[in-house]
Amino acid sequence: MTDQQLEAALTRSFLGGLPPEVTRELQAEGERADYPAGTTVYQPGSPPRAALVVGGLMRVYLTSPEGRQVTVRYARPGDVLGIAVLVGGPAGTGVQAVEPSSLFRISARMLTAAARRDPRVCWAIAEELNRRLYEVLEQTAVNAFGSVRQRVAGHLLDLASTGQRPDRRLVARVSQQELADAAGSVREVVARVLRDFRVAGIVATAADQVVILDAARLYAESAGPAGL
């Protein structure tokens, strides 16, 4: 991870809009860390931490008492993780690196102290929390009203990342009929979507499994306005 990558991620994030002296403090106190694909970066209920995504793709998920997982957010370079738990305390969410990823760990103590003394920092955090809320609402709309292409992409990524192990490739072990059932469609339509993904180099297919070759592009296919 290069300094240029960190600077680019900071500029894209809400941290880039903080008072310059606060940004400098956060950079001086923070530290960078790299994680292999499949690594659990944050365990549900752990002490509050915040981090800037510098490279890769991160998955934020909830786990049921039975051990089932549901993805609530994907984070890309420029996204900041953990702002909600800094405000509200530990949550039942976990964070996993879907691709080899780099984070810049932010000093929670320093950021919260800056927010308490400077209303500009406090307002920036409020705006960031508002953006996260709108993203959740948009994703809810995609899940309910999204196109078959969006739903297939999201289901593949969720299914593959849930069973991923560190340094292992992303594989969704699912048949076309199972994908069709999950997406609320028919097998022929799902087969066309998979063919498009395969031609684009996003996935490779085999008997009852789909290998994710480009998780970031697959995520991009699952996002966007519902129904498009």
C-alpha atoms as a PDB file:
ATOM      1  CA  MET A   1       0.000   0.000   0.000  1.00  0.00           C
ATOM      2  CA  THR A   2       1.493   3.299  -1.082  1.00  0.00           C
ATOM      3  CA  ASP A   3       1.149   6.734   0.472  1.00  0.00           C
ATOM      4  CA  GLN A   4      -0.591   7.806  -2.743  1.00  0.00           C
ATOM      5  CA  GLN A   5      -3.264   5.166  -2.144  1.00  0.00           C
ATOM      6  CA  LEU A   6      -3.798   6.421   1.390  1.00  0.00           C
ATOM      7  CA  GLU A   7      -4.011  10.037   0.281  1.00  0.00           C
ATOM      8  CA  ALA A   8      -6.518   9.118  -2.452  1.00  0.00           C
ATOM      9  CA  ALA A   9      -8.677   7.189   0.010  1.00  0.00           C
ATOM     10  CA  LEU A  10      -8.575  10.056   2.535  1.00  0.00           C
ATOM     11  CA  THR A  11      -9.587  12.555  -0.125  1.00  0.00           C
ATOM     12  CA  ARG A  12     -12.563  10.405  -1.179  1.00  0.00           C
ATOM     13  CA  SER A  13     -13.721   9.870   2.404  1.00  0.00           C
ATOM     14  CA  PHE A  14     -15.486  12.272   4.742  1.00  0.00           C
ATOM     15  CA  LEU A  15     -12.172  12.503   6.637  1.00  0.00           C
ATOM     16  CA  GLY A  16     -10.786  14.581   3.782  1.00  0.00           C
ATOM     17  CA  GLY A  17     -13.298  17.308   4.626  1.00  0.00           C
ATOM     18  CA  LEU A  18     -12.285  17.609   8.273  1.00  0.00           C
ATOM     19  CA  PRO A  19     -10.209  20.577   9.493  1.00  0.00           C
ATOM     20  CA  PRO A  20      -6.624  20.041   8.236  1.00  0.00           C
ATOM     21  CA  GLU A  21      -5.180  19.897  11.750  1.00  0.00           C
ATOM     22  CA  VAL A  22      -7.568  17.069  12.673  1.00  0.00           C
ATOM     23  CA  THR A  23      -6.717  15.109   9.523  1.00  0.00           C
ATOM     24  CA  ARG A  24      -3.014  15.485  10.252  1.00  0.00           C
ATOM     25  CA  GLU A  25      -3.533  14.237  13.810  1.00  0.00           C
ATOM     26  CA  LEU A  26      -5.471  11.199  12.602  1.00  0.00           C
ATOM     27  CA  GLN A  27      -2.755  10.364  10.062  1.00  0.00           C
ATOM     28  CA  ALA A  28      -0.037  10.700  12.681  1.00  0.00           C
ATOM     29  CA  GLU A  29      -1.846   8.486  15.200  1.00  0.00           C
ATOM     30  CA  GLY A  30      -3.234   5.891  12.787  1.00  0.00           C
ATOM     31  CA  GLU A  31      -1.641   2.773  11.370  1.00  0.00           C
ATOM     32  CA  ARG A  32      -1.985   0.758   8.195  1.00  0.00           C
ATOM     33  CA  ALA A  33      -2.717  -2.950   7.975  1.00  0.00           C
ATOM     34  CA  ASP A  34      -3.109  -5.468   5.150  1.00  0.00           C
ATOM     35  CA  TYR A  35      -5.470  -8.452   5.286  1.00  0.00           C
ATOM     36  CA  PRO A  36      -5.691 -11.553   3.075  1.00  0.00           C
ATOM     37  CA  ALA A  37      -9.016 -12.327   1.433  1.00  0.00           C
ATOM     38  CA  GLY A  38     -11.360 -14.128   3.812  1.00  0.00           C
ATOM     39  CA  THR A  39      -9.893 -12.604   6.991  1.00  0.00           C
ATOM     40  CA  THR A  40     -12.336 -11.548   9.715  1.00  0.00           C
ATOM     41  CA  VAL A  41     -11.164  -8.036  10.558  1.00  0.00           C
ATOM     42  CA  TYR A  42     -13.736  -7.211  13.242  1.00  0.00           C
ATOM     43  CA  GLN A  43     -15.656  -9.661  15.416  1.00  0.00           C
ATOM     44  CA  PRO A  44     -19.237  -8.912  16.489  1.00  0.00           C
ATOM     45  CA  GLY A  45     -19.307  -7.231  19.895  1.00  0.00           C
ATOM     46  CA  SER A  46     -15.627  -6.231  19.857  1.00  0.00           C
ATOM     47  CA  PRO A  47     -14.571  -2.845  21.311  1.00  0.00           C
ATOM     48  CA  PRO A  48     -15.403   0.055  18.951  1.00  0.00           C
ATOM     49  CA  ARG A  49     -12.843   0.659  16.219  1.00  0.00           C
ATOM     50  CA  ALA A  50     -12.818   2.770  13.079  1.00  0.00           C
ATOM     51  CA  ALA A  51     -10.843   2.319   9.885  1.00  0.00           C
ATOM     52  CA  LEU A  52     -10.549   3.818   6.421  1.00  0.00           C
ATOM     53  CA  VAL A  53     -10.651   1.350   3.526  1.00  0.00           C
ATOM     54  CA  VAL A  54      -7.608   2.038   1.353  1.00  0.00           C
ATOM     55  CA  GLY A  55      -7.729  -0.969  -0.976  1.00  0.00           C
ATOM     56  CA  GLY A  56      -9.838  -4.049  -1.636  1.00  0.00           C
ATOM     57  CA  LEU A  57     -13.421  -4.848  -0.678  1.00  0.00           C
ATOM     58  CA  MET A  58     -14.808  -5.327   2.834  1.00  0.00           C
ATOM     59  CA  ARG A  59     -18.082  -6.964   3.880  1.00  0.00           C
ATOM     60  CA  VAL A  60     -20.054  -5.907   6.961  1.00  0.00           C
ATOM     61  CA  TYR A  61     -22.456  -8.582   8.173  1.00  0.00           C
ATOM     62  CA  LEU A  62     -24.823  -9.609  10.963  1.00  0.00           C
ATOM     63  CA  THR A  63     -24.918 -13.129  12.406  1.00  0.00           C
ATOM     64  CA  SER A  64     -28.050 -14.818  13.735  1.00  0.00           C
ATOM     65  CA  PRO A  65     -28.051 -16.943  16.932  1.00  0.00           C
ATOM     66  CA  GLU A  66     -28.076 -19.991  14.638  1.00  0.00           C
ATOM     67  CA  GLY A  67     -24.900 -18.820  12.891  1.00  0.00           C
ATOM     68  CA  ARG A  68     -26.481 -17.602   9.640  1.00  0.00           C
ATOM     69  CA  GLN A  69     -25.065 -14.412   8.148  1.00  0.00           C
ATOM     70  CA  VAL A  70     -26.627 -11.530   6.249  1.00  0.00           C
ATOM     71  CA  THR A  71     -24.560  -8.820   4.565  1.00  0.00           C
ATOM     72  CA  VAL A  72     -25.574  -5.285   5.500  1.00  0.00           C
ATOM     73  CA  ARG A  73     -22.906  -3.344   3.632  1.00  0.00           C
ATOM     74  CA  TYR A  74     -19.886  -3.603   1.340  1.00  0.00           C
ATOM     75  CA  ALA A  75     -17.107  -1.044   1.788  1.00  0.00           C
ATOM     76  CA  ARG A  76     -14.666   0.061  -0.903  1.00  0.00           C
ATOM     77  CA  PRO A  77     -11.658   2.422  -0.953  1.00  0.00           C
ATOM     78  CA  GLY A  78     -12.667   5.770   0.530  1.00  0.00           C
ATOM     79  CA  ASP A  79     -15.320   4.266   2.809  1.00  0.00           C
ATOM     80  CA  VAL A  80     -14.915   4.522   6.583  1.00  0.00           C
ATOM     81  CA  LEU A  81     -15.886   1.620   8.826  1.00  0.00           C
ATOM     82  CA  GLY A  82     -16.910   1.855  12.465  1.00  0.00           C
ATOM     83  CA  ILE A  83     -18.280   5.386  12.760  1.00  0.00           C
ATOM     84  CA  ALA A  84     -21.630   4.116  14.055  1.00  0.00           C
ATOM     85  CA  VAL A  85     -20.016   2.034  16.820  1.00  0.00           C
ATOM     86  CA  LEU A  86     -17.899   5.014  17.905  1.00  0.00           C
ATOM     87  CA  VAL A  87     -21.156   6.833  18.591  1.00  0.00           C
ATOM     88  CA  GLY A  88     -23.399   3.996  19.738  1.00  0.00           C
ATOM     89  CA  GLY A  89     -20.984   1.454  21.198  1.00  0.00           C
ATOM     90  CA  PRO A  90     -20.270  -2.182  20.210  1.00  0.00           C
ATOM     91  CA  ALA A  91     -22.659  -3.727  17.690  1.00  0.00           C
ATOM     92  CA  GLY A  92     -23.400  -7.240  16.549  1.00  0.00           C
ATOM     93  CA  THR A  93     -21.711  -6.711  13.200  1.00  0.00           C
ATOM     94  CA  GLY A  94     -18.590  -8.370  11.843  1.00  0.00           C
ATOM     95  CA  VAL A  95     -16.249  -7.225   9.073  1.00  0.00           C
ATOM     96  CA  GLN A  96     -14.577  -9.539   6.555  1.00  0.00           C
ATOM     97  CA  ALA A  97     -12.056  -8.878   3.778  1.00  0.00           C
ATOM     98  CA  VAL A  98     -13.646 -10.244   0.588  1.00  0.00           C
ATOM     99  CA  GLU A  99     -10.563  -9.391  -1.476  1.00  0.00           C
ATOM    100  CA  PRO A 100      -6.993  -8.783  -0.277  1.00  0.00           C
ATOM    101  CA  SER A 101      -7.582  -5.471   1.473  1.00  0.00           C
ATOM    102  CA  SER A 102      -5.765  -2.604   3.144  1.00  0.00           C
ATOM    103  CA  LEU A 103      -7.107  -0.520   6.016  1.00  0.00           C
ATOM    104  CA  PHE A 104      -5.893   2.587   7.789  1.00  0.00           C
ATOM    105  CA  ARG A 105      -6.859   2.248  11.441  1.00  0.00           C
ATOM    106  CA  ILE A 106      -8.172   5.495  12.876  1.00  0.00           C
ATOM    107  CA  SER A 107      -7.612   6.518  16.492  1.00  0.00           C
ATOM    108  CA  ALA A 108     -11.111   6.317  17.975  1.00  0.00           C
ATOM    109  CA  ARG A 109      -9.987   8.301  20.996  1.00  0.00           C
ATOM    110  CA  MET A 110      -8.646  11.142  18.888  1.00  0.00           C
ATOM    111  CA  LEU A 111     -11.634  11.306  16.521  1.00  0.00           C
ATOM    112  CA  THR A 112     -14.218  11.338  19.308  1.00  0.00           C
ATOM    113  CA  ALA A 113     -12.225  13.936  21.253  1.00  0.00           C
ATOM    114  CA  ALA A 114     -12.057  16.141  18.149  1.00  0.00           C
ATOM    115  CA  ALA A 115     -15.827  15.793  17.675  1.00  0.00           C
ATOM    116  CA  ARG A 116     -16.505  16.866  21.262  1.00  0.00           C
ATOM    117  CA  ARG A 117     -14.440  20.029  20.981  1.00  0.00           C
ATOM    118  CA  ASP A 118     -15.083  21.017  17.357  1.00  0.00           C
ATOM    119  CA  PRO A 119     -18.646  21.255  15.957  1.00  0.00           C
ATOM    120  CA  ARG A 120     -17.270  20.982  12.407  1.00  0.00           C
ATOM    121  CA  VAL A 121     -16.013  17.459  13.147  1.00  0.00           C
ATOM    122  CA  CYS A 122     -19.257  16.584  14.910  1.00  0.00           C
ATOM    123  CA  TRP A 123     -21.285  17.717  11.898  1.00  0.00           C
ATOM    124  CA  ALA A 124     -19.056  15.783   9.486  1.00  0.00           C
ATOM    125  CA  ILE A 125     -19.672  12.605  11.506  1.00  0.00           C
ATOM    126  CA  ALA A 126     -23.422  13.302  11.475  1.00  0.00           C
ATOM    127  CA  GLU A 127     -23.318  13.681   7.673  1.00  0.00           C
ATOM    128  CA  GLU A 128     -21.391  10.412   7.354  1.00  0.00           C
ATOM    129  CA  LEU A 129     -23.956   8.562   9.479  1.00  0.00           C
ATOM    130  CA  ASN A 130     -26.709  10.042   7.308  1.00  0.00           C
ATOM    131  CA  ARG A 131     -24.991   8.753   4.150  1.00  0.00           C
ATOM    132  CA  ARG A 132     -24.758   5.297   5.681  1.00  0.00           C
ATOM    133  CA  LEU A 133     -28.482   5.371   6.485  1.00  0.00           C
ATOM    134  CA  TYR A 134     -29.365   6.312   2.921  1.00  0.00           C
ATOM    135  CA  GLU A 135     -27.138   3.528   1.584  1.00  0.00           C
ATOM    136  CA  VAL A 136     -28.994   1.005   3.754  1.00  0.00           C
ATOM    137  CA  LEU A 137     -32.327   2.297   2.443  1.00  0.00           C
ATOM    138  CA  GLU A 138     -31.097   2.073  -1.154  1.00  0.00           C
ATOM    139  CA  GLN A 139     -29.862  -1.485  -0.630  1.00  0.00           C
ATOM    140  CA  THR A 140     -33.195  -2.434   0.907  1.00  0.00           C
ATOM    141  CA  ALA A 141     -34.901  -1.141  -2.236  1.00  0.00           C
ATOM    142  CA  VAL A 142     -32.525  -3.138  -4.454  1.00  0.00           C
ATOM    143  CA  ASN A 143     -33.195  -6.293  -2.438  1.00  0.00           C
ATOM    144  CA  ALA A 144     -36.942  -5.805  -2.800  1.00  0.00           C
ATOM    145  CA  PHE A 145     -37.282  -4.263  -6.263  1.00  0.00           C
ATOM    146  CA  GLY A 146     -33.927  -4.739  -7.999  1.00  0.00           C
ATOM    147  CA  SER A 147     -33.469  -6.384 -11.377  1.00  0.00           C
ATOM    148  CA  VAL A 148     -32.700 -10.083 -11.704  1.00  0.00           C
ATOM    149  CA  ARG A 149     -29.129  -9.122 -12.643  1.00  0.00           C
ATOM    150  CA  GLN A 150     -28.716  -7.145  -9.411  1.00  0.00           C
ATOM    151  CA  ARG A 151     -30.233  -9.873  -7.253  1.00  0.00           C
ATOM    152  CA  VAL A 152     -28.145 -12.641  -8.837  1.00  0.00           C
ATOM    153  CA  ALA A 153     -24.933 -10.600  -8.388  1.00  0.00           C
ATOM    154  CA  GLY A 154     -25.746  -9.839  -4.753  1.00  0.00           C
ATOM    155  CA  HIS A 155     -26.714 -13.410  -3.938  1.00  0.00           C
ATOM    156  CA  LEU A 156     -23.537 -14.810  -5.539  1.00  0.00           C
ATOM    157  CA  LEU A 157     -21.296 -12.421  -3.633  1.00  0.00           C
ATOM    158  CA  ASP A 158     -23.038 -13.035  -0.311  1.00  0.00           C
ATOM    159  CA  LEU A 159     -23.055 -16.802  -0.745  1.00  0.00           C
ATOM    160  CA  ALA A 160     -19.381 -16.953  -1.740  1.00  0.00           C
ATOM    161  CA  SER A 161     -18.095 -14.593   0.952  1.00  0.00           C
ATOM    162  CA  THR A 162     -20.071 -16.277   3.743  1.00  0.00           C
ATOM    163  CA  GLY A 163     -18.191 -19.531   3.185  1.00  0.00           C
ATOM    164  CA  GLN A 164     -14.810 -18.000   2.311  1.00  0.00           C
ATOM    165  CA  ARG A 165     -11.649 -18.958   4.181  1.00  0.00           C
ATOM    166  CA  PRO A 166      -8.467 -16.856   4.417  1.00  0.00           C
ATOM    167  CA  ASP A 167      -6.428 -16.854   1.214  1.00  0.00           C
ATOM    168  CA  ARG A 168      -8.998 -19.057  -0.557  1.00  0.00           C
ATOM    169  CA  ARG A 169     -10.799 -18.072  -3.731  1.00  0.00           C
ATOM    170  CA  LEU A 170     -14.415 -16.951  -3.674  1.00  0.00           C
ATOM    171  CA  VAL A 171     -16.722 -19.774  -4.726  1.00  0.00           C
ATOM    172  CA  ALA A 172     -20.517 -19.812  -4.579  1.00  0.00           C
ATOM    173  CA  ARG A 173     -21.661 -23.431  -4.460  1.00  0.00           C
ATOM    174  CA  VAL A 174     -25.100 -23.100  -5.975  1.00  0.00           C
ATOM    175  CA  SER A 175     -27.006 -24.404  -8.973  1.00  0.00           C
ATOM    176  CA  GLN A 176     -28.678 -22.227 -11.588  1.00  0.00           C
ATOM    177  CA  GLN A 177     -32.077 -23.346 -10.323  1.00  0.00           C
ATOM    178  CA  GLU A 178     -31.181 -22.419  -6.742  1.00  0.00           C
ATOM    179  CA  LEU A 179     -30.009 -19.008  -7.951  1.00  0.00           C
ATOM    180  CA  ALA A 180     -33.251 -18.563  -9.865  1.00  0.00           C
ATOM    181  CA  ASP A 181     -35.268 -19.441  -6.771  1.00  0.00           C
ATOM    182  CA  ALA A 182     -33.269 -16.980  -4.637  1.00  0.00           C
ATOM    183  CA  ALA A 183     -33.614 -14.194  -7.234  1.00  0.00           C
ATOM    184  CA  GLY A 184     -37.316 -14.825  -7.802  1.00  0.00           C
ATOM    185  CA  SER A 185     -36.769 -15.630 -11.479  1.00  0.00           C
ATOM    186  CA  VAL A 186     -36.482 -18.628 -13.817  1.00  0.00           C
ATOM    187  CA  ARG A 187     -33.406 -20.671 -14.661  1.00  0.00           C
ATOM    188  CA  GLU A 188     -33.222 -19.489 -18.294  1.00  0.00           C
ATOM    189  CA  VAL A 189     -32.984 -15.831 -17.257  1.00  0.00           C
ATOM    190  CA  VAL A 190     -30.359 -16.593 -14.607  1.00  0.00           C
ATOM    191  CA  ALA A 191     -28.356 -18.591 -17.175  1.00  0.00           C
ATOM    192  CA  ARG A 192     -28.245 -15.513 -19.435  1.00  0.00           C
ATOM    193  CA  VAL A 193     -27.094 -13.318 -16.546  1.00  0.00           C
ATOM    194  CA  LEU A 194     -24.324 -15.783 -15.660  1.00  0.00           C
ATOM    195  CA  ARG A 195     -23.264 -15.941 -19.312  1.00  0.00           C
ATOM    196  CA  ASP A 196     -22.972 -12.130 -19.380  1.00  0.00           C
ATOM    197  CA  PHE A 197     -20.887 -12.175 -16.197  1.00  0.00           C
ATOM    198  CA  ARG A 198     -18.709 -14.944 -17.604  1.00  0.00           C
ATOM    199  CA  VAL A 199     -18.080 -13.119 -20.891  1.00  0.00           C
ATOM    200  CA  ALA A 200     -17.194  -9.961 -18.923  1.00  0.00           C
ATOM    201  CA  GLY A 201     -14.599 -11.920 -16.919  1.00  0.00           C
ATOM    202  CA  ILE A 202     -16.422 -11.414 -13.630  1.00  0.00           C
ATOM    203  CA  VAL A 203     -17.135 -15.094 -12.896  1.00  0.00           C
ATOM    204  CA  ALA A 204     -16.267 -18.584 -14.078  1.00  0.00           C
ATOM    205  CA  THR A 205     -18.841 -21.366 -13.918  1.00  0.00           C
ATOM    206  CA  ALA A 206     -18.672 -25.097 -13.303  1.00  0.00           C
ATOM    207  CA  ALA A 207     -21.122 -27.776 -12.226  1.00  0.00           C
ATOM    208  CA  ASP A 208     -23.240 -26.300  -9.397  1.00  0.00           C
ATOM    209  CA  GLN A 209     -20.680 -23.646  -8.506  1.00  0.00           C
ATOM    210  CA  VAL A 210     -19.674 -20.146  -9.579  1.00  0.00           C
ATOM    211  CA  VAL A 211     -16.128 -18.862  -9.046  1.00  0.00           C
ATOM    212  CA  ILE A 212     -15.949 -15.119  -8.377  1.00  0.00           C
ATOM    213  CA  LEU A 213     -13.043 -13.702 -10.397  1.00  0.00           C
ATOM    214  CA  ASP A 214     -13.661 -10.004  -9.740  1.00  0.00           C
ATOM    215  CA  ALA A 215     -15.559  -9.320  -6.510  1.00  0.00           C
ATOM    216  CA  ALA A 216     -15.475  -5.533  -6.886  1.00  0.00           C
ATOM    217  CA  ARG A 217     -17.107  -5.645 -10.331  1.00  0.00           C
ATOM    218  CA  LEU A 218     -19.677  -8.163  -9.129  1.00  0.00           C
ATOM    219  CA  TYR A 219     -20.539  -5.839  -6.254  1.00  0.00           C
ATOM    220  CA  ALA A 220     -20.919  -2.975  -8.739  1.00  0.00           C
ATOM    221  CA  GLU A 221     -23.402  -5.114 -10.677  1.00  0.00           C
ATOM    222  CA  SER A 222     -25.468  -5.634  -7.523  1.00  0.00           C
ATOM    223  CA  ALA A 223     -25.606  -1.957  -6.595  1.00  0.00           C
ATOM    224  CA  GLY A 224     -27.288   1.027  -8.190  1.00  0.00           C
ATOM    225  CA  PRO A 225     -30.900   2.196  -8.415  1.00  0.00           C
ATOM    226  CA  ALA A 226     -33.473  -0.533  -8.022  1.00  0.00           C
ATOM    227  CA  GLY A 227     -35.122  -1.790 -11.152  1.00  0.00           C
ATOM    228  CA  LEU A 228     -32.384  -0.739 -13.602  1.00  0.00           C
END
